[in-house]
Protein backbone atom coordinates (compact mmCIF):
# COMPACT_ATOMS: atom_id res chain seq x y z
CA MET A 1 -3.35 68.22 113.57
CA GLN A 2 -4.87 70.36 116.30
CA GLU A 3 -5.31 67.25 118.49
CA LYS A 4 -1.68 66.24 117.93
CA ASN A 5 -0.44 69.74 118.83
CA SER A 6 -2.59 69.64 122.01
CA GLN A 7 -1.15 66.29 122.98
CA LEU A 8 2.39 67.52 122.32
CA GLN A 9 1.76 70.61 124.41
CA GLN A 10 0.44 68.51 127.26
CA SER A 11 3.38 66.12 127.16
CA LEU A 12 5.85 69.00 127.18
CA CYS A 13 4.15 70.76 130.05
CA SER A 14 3.48 67.71 132.19
CA PRO A 15 6.07 64.95 131.93
CA ALA A 16 4.24 63.28 134.77
CA GLU A 17 4.30 59.90 133.13
CA GLU A 18 8.08 59.79 133.37
CA ASP A 19 9.61 57.65 136.10
CA SER A 20 11.64 60.53 137.48
CA PHE A 21 11.29 64.33 137.39
CA ARG A 22 12.08 67.36 139.46
CA CYS A 23 9.68 68.53 142.19
CA GLU A 24 9.76 71.84 143.99
CA LEU A 25 8.37 72.30 147.49
CA ILE A 26 6.88 75.78 148.01
CA SER A 27 6.61 77.39 151.44
CA PHE A 28 3.68 79.44 152.82
CA ASN A 29 5.97 82.49 153.10
CA TYR A 30 6.77 82.21 149.41
CA ILE A 31 3.05 81.93 148.63
CA LEU A 32 2.46 85.15 150.54
CA ARG A 33 5.13 86.95 148.49
CA LEU A 34 3.70 85.67 145.21
CA SER A 35 0.18 86.64 146.25
CA LYS A 36 1.29 90.16 147.09
CA ILE A 37 3.10 90.51 143.76
CA LEU A 38 0.01 89.20 141.90
CA SER A 39 -2.32 91.55 143.76
CA ARG A 40 -0.13 94.55 142.93
CA LYS A 41 -0.19 93.59 139.25
CA ILE A 42 -3.96 93.40 139.31
CA LYS A 43 -4.18 96.78 141.06
CA ALA A 44 -1.72 98.36 138.64
CA SER A 45 -3.83 97.23 135.68
CA GLY A 46 -6.81 99.21 136.97
CA TYR A 47 -9.01 96.14 136.83
CA MET A 48 -11.43 95.77 139.70
CA PRO A 49 -13.70 92.71 139.58
CA ASP A 50 -17.18 92.46 140.99
CA LEU A 51 -16.47 88.86 142.01
CA ILE A 52 -13.43 86.63 142.54
CA VAL A 53 -13.89 82.91 141.74
CA ALA A 54 -11.28 80.57 143.21
CA ILE A 55 -10.78 77.25 141.38
CA GLY A 56 -10.68 74.37 143.81
CA ARG A 57 -8.77 72.93 145.16
CA GLY A 58 -5.50 74.64 144.21
CA GLY A 59 -6.98 78.12 143.95
CA TYR A 60 -8.72 78.23 147.32
CA VAL A 61 -5.80 79.69 149.28
CA PRO A 62 -4.54 82.00 146.51
CA GLY A 63 -8.10 83.25 145.99
CA ARG A 64 -8.45 84.13 149.67
CA LEU A 65 -5.05 85.84 149.76
CA ILE A 66 -5.69 87.86 146.64
CA SER A 67 -9.03 89.02 148.00
CA ASP A 68 -7.26 90.00 151.21
CA PHE A 69 -4.53 92.02 149.51
CA LEU A 70 -7.14 93.70 147.29
CA LEU A 71 -9.30 94.43 150.37
CA PHE A 72 -12.08 92.67 148.47
CA ASN A 73 -15.04 90.85 150.02
CA ASP A 74 -16.89 88.98 147.30
CA LEU A 75 -15.17 85.64 146.92
CA THR A 76 -16.72 82.38 145.82
CA SER A 77 -15.44 79.14 144.29
CA MET A 78 -15.90 76.29 141.87
CA LYS A 79 -14.14 72.93 141.76
CA ILE A 80 -12.47 71.39 138.74
CA GLU A 81 -10.76 68.02 138.85
CA HIS A 82 -7.79 67.39 136.57
CA TYR A 83 -4.88 66.08 138.62
CA ALA A 84 -5.05 63.46 141.33
CA ARG A 85 -2.21 63.38 143.84
CA ALA A 86 1.48 63.10 142.91
CA ALA A 87 1.17 64.46 139.34
CA ASP A 88 -1.30 61.78 138.24
CA MET A 89 -3.41 63.38 135.52
CA ARG A 90 -7.03 62.42 134.92
CA ALA A 91 -8.19 61.75 131.39
CA GLU A 92 -9.69 65.23 131.13
CA ALA A 93 -10.51 68.19 133.30
CA LYS A 94 -14.08 68.15 134.67
CA ILE A 95 -16.22 70.55 136.68
CA ARG A 96 -17.11 68.82 139.94
CA PHE A 97 -18.86 71.71 141.75
CA PRO A 98 -20.11 74.63 139.65
CA ILE A 99 -20.45 78.28 140.72
CA SER A 100 -23.49 78.59 143.02
CA VAL A 101 -24.21 82.31 142.60
CA ASP A 102 -25.60 84.42 139.79
CA ILE A 103 -22.75 86.14 137.94
CA ARG A 104 -24.70 87.61 135.03
CA GLY A 105 -23.43 91.09 134.16
CA LYS A 106 -20.53 90.89 136.64
CA LYS A 107 -16.80 91.34 136.06
CA VAL A 108 -15.22 88.08 137.21
CA LEU A 109 -11.65 87.34 138.17
CA VAL A 110 -10.88 83.59 138.10
CA VAL A 111 -7.96 82.61 140.39
CA ASP A 112 -5.91 79.42 140.45
CA ASP A 113 -2.49 78.40 141.80
CA LEU A 114 -0.73 77.89 138.42
CA THR A 115 -1.11 77.07 134.76
CA ASP A 116 0.27 73.66 133.85
CA THR A 117 -1.29 72.17 130.72
CA GLY A 118 -3.82 75.05 130.82
CA GLU A 119 -6.83 72.72 130.57
CA THR A 120 -8.22 73.66 133.95
CA LEU A 121 -8.30 77.40 133.28
CA SER A 122 -9.51 76.92 129.71
CA LEU A 123 -12.45 74.88 130.97
CA ALA A 124 -13.08 77.37 133.81
CA VAL A 125 -13.14 80.37 131.51
CA ASP A 126 -15.43 78.73 128.95
CA TYR A 127 -17.79 77.70 131.77
CA VAL A 128 -17.79 81.18 133.38
CA TRP A 129 -18.51 82.85 130.05
CA SER A 130 -21.48 80.52 129.60
CA LEU A 131 -23.00 82.16 132.68
CA LYS A 132 -23.12 85.51 130.87
CA PRO A 133 -20.81 87.73 132.95
CA ALA A 134 -19.76 91.15 131.72
CA ASP A 135 -16.07 90.26 131.66
CA VAL A 136 -13.76 87.39 132.66
CA ARG A 137 -10.08 87.65 133.53
CA THR A 138 -7.67 85.13 135.05
CA ALA A 139 -4.90 85.24 137.60
CA VAL A 140 -2.41 82.64 138.84
CA LEU A 141 0.55 82.66 141.17
CA GLN A 142 2.80 80.83 138.76
CA HIS A 143 2.60 80.50 134.97
CA LYS A 144 4.46 77.70 133.17
CA THR A 145 5.57 78.87 129.74
CA CYS A 146 4.76 75.44 128.32
CA SER A 147 1.08 75.96 129.12
CA ASN A 148 -1.37 76.37 126.30
CA PHE A 149 -3.27 78.98 128.34
CA MET A 150 -1.99 82.50 128.98
CA PRO A 151 -3.51 84.05 132.12
CA ASP A 152 -4.18 87.79 132.24
CA PHE A 153 -2.14 88.11 135.43
CA TYR A 154 0.62 86.04 136.98
CA ALA A 155 3.22 86.64 139.68
CA GLN A 156 5.98 84.38 138.44
CA LYS A 157 6.93 82.72 135.18
CA ILE A 158 8.24 79.15 135.24
CA ILE A 159 10.40 78.43 132.19
CA LYS A 160 11.88 75.04 133.05
CA TRP A 161 9.16 72.49 133.87
CA ARG A 162 8.98 70.94 137.31
CA TRP A 163 6.15 69.61 139.46
CA VAL A 164 5.26 72.29 141.99
CA ILE A 165 4.14 71.10 145.42
CA TYR A 166 2.21 73.81 147.27
CA PRO A 167 1.86 73.70 151.09
CA TRP A 168 -1.86 72.90 150.85
CA ALA A 169 -1.06 69.76 148.80
CA ARG A 170 2.28 68.76 150.34
CA TYR A 171 1.12 65.79 152.42
CA GLU A 172 -1.14 64.44 149.67
CA ASP A 173 1.53 64.69 146.98
CA LEU A 174 4.26 63.18 149.15
CA ALA A 175 1.93 60.27 149.93
CA GLY A 176 1.36 59.74 146.22
CA PHE A 177 5.06 59.85 145.37
CA THR A 178 5.75 57.43 148.20
CA GLU A 179 3.32 54.95 146.71
CA LYS A 180 4.87 55.39 143.26
CA ILE A 181 8.28 54.54 144.70
CA ILE A 182 7.24 51.52 146.69
CA ARG A 183 4.88 49.91 144.14
CA ASP A 184 5.58 46.14 144.08
CA ARG A 185 8.82 46.39 146.05
CA ALA A 186 9.32 46.03 149.80
CA LEU A 187 11.28 49.08 150.93
CA ASN A 188 12.40 50.31 154.32
CA LEU A 189 12.34 53.89 155.56
CA SER A 190 15.86 54.80 154.48
CA GLN A 191 15.37 53.34 150.99
CA ILE A 192 12.19 55.32 150.44
CA ILE A 193 13.91 58.55 151.53
CA ILE A 194 16.77 57.92 149.11
CA GLU A 195 14.37 57.14 146.25
CA LEU A 196 12.39 60.33 146.88
CA LYS A 197 15.63 62.29 146.62
CA ASN A 198 16.96 60.47 143.59
CA ARG A 199 13.77 60.37 141.56
CA TYR A 200 12.00 63.56 142.57
CA GLU A 201 14.69 65.72 144.23
CA LEU A 202 12.67 65.72 147.42
CA ASP A 203 14.39 65.98 150.80
CA ILE A 204 11.93 64.51 153.32
CA LYS A 205 12.59 63.98 157.03
CA GLU A 206 11.96 60.60 158.59
CA ILE A 207 9.30 61.88 160.97
CA GLU A 208 7.17 63.30 158.15
CA LEU A 209 7.55 60.14 156.04
CA LEU A 210 6.65 57.94 159.00
CA ASP A 211 3.37 59.82 159.43
CA ILE A 212 2.64 59.37 155.72
CA LEU A 213 3.41 55.64 155.83
CA LYS A 214 1.23 55.22 158.87
CA ASP A 215 -1.70 56.96 157.19
CA LEU A 216 -1.32 54.98 153.95
CA THR A 217 -1.23 51.78 155.98
CA GLU A 218 -4.34 52.68 157.94
CA ARG A 219 -6.11 53.51 154.66
CA GLY A 220 -5.29 50.06 153.35
CA GLU A 221 -3.16 51.35 150.46
CA ILE A 222 0.13 49.87 151.63
CA THR A 223 1.12 47.16 154.09
CA ARG A 224 3.84 47.16 156.72
CA THR A 225 5.90 44.05 157.41
CA GLU A 226 7.61 43.89 160.77
CA GLY A 227 11.11 42.62 161.30
CA ASN A 228 14.50 43.90 162.37
CA ILE A 229 13.89 46.73 159.95
CA PRO A 230 10.19 47.36 158.97
CA VAL A 231 9.43 47.45 155.25
CA TRP A 232 6.40 48.73 153.34
CA LYS A 233 4.75 47.47 150.11
CA VAL A 234 1.76 48.53 148.07
CA LEU A 235 -1.10 46.03 148.37
CA GLU A 236 -1.57 43.75 145.35
CA GLU A 237 -5.17 44.86 144.78
CA LYS A 238 -4.08 48.48 144.86
CA MET A 239 -1.44 47.73 142.21
CA GLN A 240 -4.02 46.09 139.99
CA SER A 241 -6.39 49.00 140.43
CA GLY A 242 -3.63 51.45 139.49
CA LYS A 243 -2.85 49.48 136.31
CA GLU A 244 -6.52 49.55 135.29
CA GLN A 245 -6.65 53.34 135.72
CA ASP A 246 -3.52 54.06 133.68
CA PHE A 247 -4.03 56.08 130.52
């Protein structure tokens, strides 16, 4: 029953397997505002950590900004992998790079960008506690109410689910969504732009999309066919690889 509830929670919080869902592009200025709000909440609580741990990759920038607004020097990181690009979720969250410093007896504040399913922060907190700190608290810029993890501090609550694209993951996510749209079809630039808008509510300019298409082509992930109007298509071997990795 617990496993079924966990699966239901994950599906409600991350409808990333659907063919179409809303995405929201976040600006750096908005990130600064959220970081300041979050820092003020931490200050107001009276909690002062001995160490801030940023969860990579999404928590790197928030962690640095929070430490800045708190006038705090001791910042380190760990890396947990859960999502690939464009809302593709891995089978389970895994620690890729652990904390490299001794945190025994320290008060630790773990920082990430947001709570989605909550698996990343749950894993992070369990891992940090295993290192015998004095206390562990968590902070995120945005908290999705569908998440199964409740952070100690958050700047903003997200009630209606959408995929949030932060400025430090914009290019990577847009590349992933572009591949999802093209798949086994041959599409031109205008068609891809329309599909990004219709399926993901993303308004992307031609110049940015051309850069993405160029990089994906150079990486061997898609192919460009010349003609009166160039078209792009995902390579057959890439399609097969994607099918094998589906879960």
